[in-house]
């Protein structure tokens, strides 16, 4: 499943780094913290590896 926005991709990248042990989980905030808890490493990798070109910075919740 590809990321819908650049913000979602960045959050997934931070969560993935914490899951892999590259950064402490205590540094995670907001969406990246919940992503780390609820998603597998494979799912996070798919979101984080999405190309940024053409993606909006943020997507509204509507």
C-alpha atoms as a PDB file:
ATOM      1  CA  UNK A   1       0.000   0.000   0.000  1.00  0.00           C
ATOM      2  CA  UNK A   2       1.660   3.246  -1.088  1.00  0.00           C
ATOM      3  CA  UNK A   3       1.756   6.355   1.082  1.00  0.00           C
ATOM      4  CA  UNK A   4      -0.877   8.979   0.274  1.00  0.00           C
ATOM      5  CA  UNK A   5       1.266  11.946   1.352  1.00  0.00           C
ATOM      6  CA  UNK A   6       4.827  12.944   2.125  1.00  0.00           C
ATOM      7  CA  UNK A   7       3.931  13.302   5.813  1.00  0.00           C
ATOM      8  CA  UNK A   8       2.648   9.713   5.943  1.00  0.00           C
ATOM      9  CA  UNK A   9       5.818   8.495   4.251  1.00  0.00           C
ATOM     10  CA  UNK A  10       8.059  10.347   6.716  1.00  0.00           C
ATOM     11  CA  UNK A  11       6.109   8.971   9.686  1.00  0.00           C
ATOM     12  CA  UNK A  12       6.437   5.440   8.316  1.00  0.00           C
ATOM     13  CA  UNK A  13      10.178   5.948   7.820  1.00  0.00           C
ATOM     14  CA  UNK A  14      10.627   7.072  11.423  1.00  0.00           C
ATOM     15  CA  UNK A  15       8.559   4.136  12.716  1.00  0.00           C
ATOM     16  CA  UNK A  16      10.571   1.725  10.572  1.00  0.00           C
ATOM     17  CA  UNK A  17      13.866   3.113  11.886  1.00  0.00           C
ATOM     18  CA  UNK A  18      12.660   2.616  15.458  1.00  0.00           C
ATOM     19  CA  UNK A  19      11.482  -0.932  14.745  1.00  0.00           C
ATOM     20  CA  UNK A  20      14.851  -1.812  13.251  1.00  0.00           C
ATOM     21  CA  UNK A  21      16.678  -0.294  16.236  1.00  0.00           C
ATOM     22  CA  UNK A  22      18.289   2.577  14.318  1.00  0.00           C
ATOM     23  CA  UNK A  23      16.667   5.120  16.654  1.00  0.00           C
ATOM     24  CA  UNK A  24      15.097   4.831  20.116  1.00  0.00           C
ATOM     25  CA  UNK A  25      11.332   4.252  20.224  1.00  0.00           C
ATOM     26  CA  UNK A  26      11.075   6.974  22.873  1.00  0.00           C
ATOM     27  CA  UNK A  27      11.793   9.595  20.176  1.00  0.00           C
ATOM     28  CA  UNK A  28       8.644   8.686  18.210  1.00  0.00           C
ATOM     29  CA  UNK A  29       5.676  11.063  18.383  1.00  0.00           C
ATOM     30  CA  UNK A  30       2.151  11.099  16.968  1.00  0.00           C
ATOM     31  CA  UNK A  31       1.480   9.039  13.867  1.00  0.00           C
ATOM     32  CA  UNK A  32       4.908   7.402  13.768  1.00  0.00           C
ATOM     33  CA  UNK A  33       4.440   6.134  17.324  1.00  0.00           C
ATOM     34  CA  UNK A  34       1.100   4.505  16.535  1.00  0.00           C
ATOM     35  CA  UNK A  35       2.427   3.124  13.238  1.00  0.00           C
ATOM     36  CA  UNK A  36       5.327   1.441  15.050  1.00  0.00           C
ATOM     37  CA  UNK A  37       2.901  -0.293  17.403  1.00  0.00           C
ATOM     38  CA  UNK A  38       0.265  -1.372  14.904  1.00  0.00           C
ATOM     39  CA  UNK A  39       2.148  -2.185  11.690  1.00  0.00           C
ATOM     40  CA  UNK A  40       4.655  -4.855  10.735  1.00  0.00           C
ATOM     41  CA  UNK A  41       8.142  -4.040   9.485  1.00  0.00           C
ATOM     42  CA  UNK A  42       7.125  -5.144   5.981  1.00  0.00           C
ATOM     43  CA  UNK A  43       4.106  -2.810   5.934  1.00  0.00           C
ATOM     44  CA  UNK A  44       6.201   0.103   7.163  1.00  0.00           C
ATOM     45  CA  UNK A  45       8.840  -0.615   4.537  1.00  0.00           C
ATOM     46  CA  UNK A  46       6.197  -0.497   1.789  1.00  0.00           C
ATOM     47  CA  UNK A  47       4.902   2.876   3.019  1.00  0.00           C
ATOM     48  CA  UNK A  48       8.338   4.383   3.545  1.00  0.00           C
ATOM     49  CA  UNK A  49       9.648   3.303   0.141  1.00  0.00           C
ATOM     50  CA  UNK A  50       6.901   5.139  -1.788  1.00  0.00           C
ATOM     51  CA  UNK A  51       8.208   7.735  -4.252  1.00  0.00           C
ATOM     52  CA  UNK A  52       7.635  11.324  -3.072  1.00  0.00           C
ATOM     53  CA  UNK A  53       7.275  12.908  -6.486  1.00  0.00           C
ATOM     54  CA  UNK A  54       3.717  14.101  -7.041  1.00  0.00           C
ATOM     55  CA  UNK A  55       2.625  13.474  -3.446  1.00  0.00           C
ATOM     56  CA  UNK A  56       0.995  16.301  -1.489  1.00  0.00           C
ATOM     57  CA  UNK A  57       2.600  17.398   1.775  1.00  0.00           C
ATOM     58  CA  UNK A  58      -0.512  16.492   3.783  1.00  0.00           C
ATOM     59  CA  UNK A  59      -3.896  14.973   2.989  1.00  0.00           C
ATOM     60  CA  UNK A  60      -7.044  16.123   4.781  1.00  0.00           C
ATOM     61  CA  UNK A  61      -9.005  13.553   6.796  1.00  0.00           C
ATOM     62  CA  UNK A  62     -12.244  14.037   4.808  1.00  0.00           C
END
